[in-house]
Amino acid sequence: MKSTSYIQPIIRMLLPPELHAFTDIQVWKAIGLHMISRIKDTLQADSL
């Protein structure tokens, strides 16, 4: 999680403002997919 917090400002400096929302969506999508996989792993561990 910490890595994105200092990478994102750098990305924002490099990209034009109209692309900032896109980077935010990509970050949230990555976090969402990570959380879903964590939840699936936990559920599988519980069922075993």
Protein backbone atom coordinates (compact mmCIF):
# COMPACT_ATOMS: atom_id res chain seq x y z
CA MET A 1 0.00 0.00 0.00
CA LYS A 2 2.79 2.45 0.89
CA SER A 3 4.42 2.18 -2.54
CA THR A 4 1.39 3.66 -4.36
CA SER A 5 1.26 6.65 -1.99
CA TYR A 6 4.57 8.07 -3.22
CA ILE A 7 4.35 6.77 -6.81
CA GLN A 8 0.99 8.42 -7.47
CA PRO A 9 2.19 12.06 -7.05
CA ILE A 10 5.01 11.31 -9.51
CA ILE A 11 2.51 9.86 -11.99
CA ARG A 12 0.34 12.95 -11.50
CA MET A 13 3.27 15.23 -12.34
CA LEU A 14 4.04 13.28 -15.51
CA LEU A 15 0.47 12.96 -16.76
CA PRO A 16 -1.84 15.75 -17.89
CA PRO A 17 -4.70 16.49 -15.45
CA GLU A 18 -7.34 14.78 -17.59
CA LEU A 19 -5.54 11.45 -17.05
CA HIS A 20 -5.36 11.73 -13.24
CA ALA A 21 -8.79 10.15 -12.80
CA PHE A 22 -7.64 7.20 -14.93
CA THR A 23 -4.65 6.54 -12.66
CA ASP A 24 -6.94 6.71 -9.62
CA ILE A 25 -9.30 4.14 -11.19
CA GLN A 26 -6.38 1.82 -11.98
CA VAL A 27 -5.09 2.05 -8.40
CA TRP A 28 -8.54 1.33 -6.92
CA LYS A 29 -9.08 -1.54 -9.36
CA ALA A 30 -5.76 -3.09 -8.32
CA ILE A 31 -6.63 -2.69 -4.63
CA GLY A 32 -10.10 -4.18 -5.23
CA LEU A 33 -8.73 -7.21 -7.07
CA HIS A 34 -6.15 -7.74 -4.32
CA MET A 35 -8.82 -7.60 -1.61
CA ILE A 36 -11.11 -10.02 -3.52
CA SER A 37 -8.29 -12.55 -3.88
CA ARG A 38 -7.46 -12.21 -0.17
CA ILE A 39 -11.12 -12.80 0.77
CA LYS A 40 -11.33 -15.84 -1.53
CA ASP A 41 -8.17 -17.30 0.04
CA THR A 42 -9.60 -16.76 3.52
CA LEU A 43 -12.91 -18.41 2.61
CA GLN A 44 -11.14 -21.40 1.08
CA ALA A 45 -8.96 -21.78 4.17
CA ASP A 46 -12.06 -21.67 6.40
CA SER A 47 -13.90 -24.30 4.33
CA LEU A 48 -10.95 -26.70 4.62
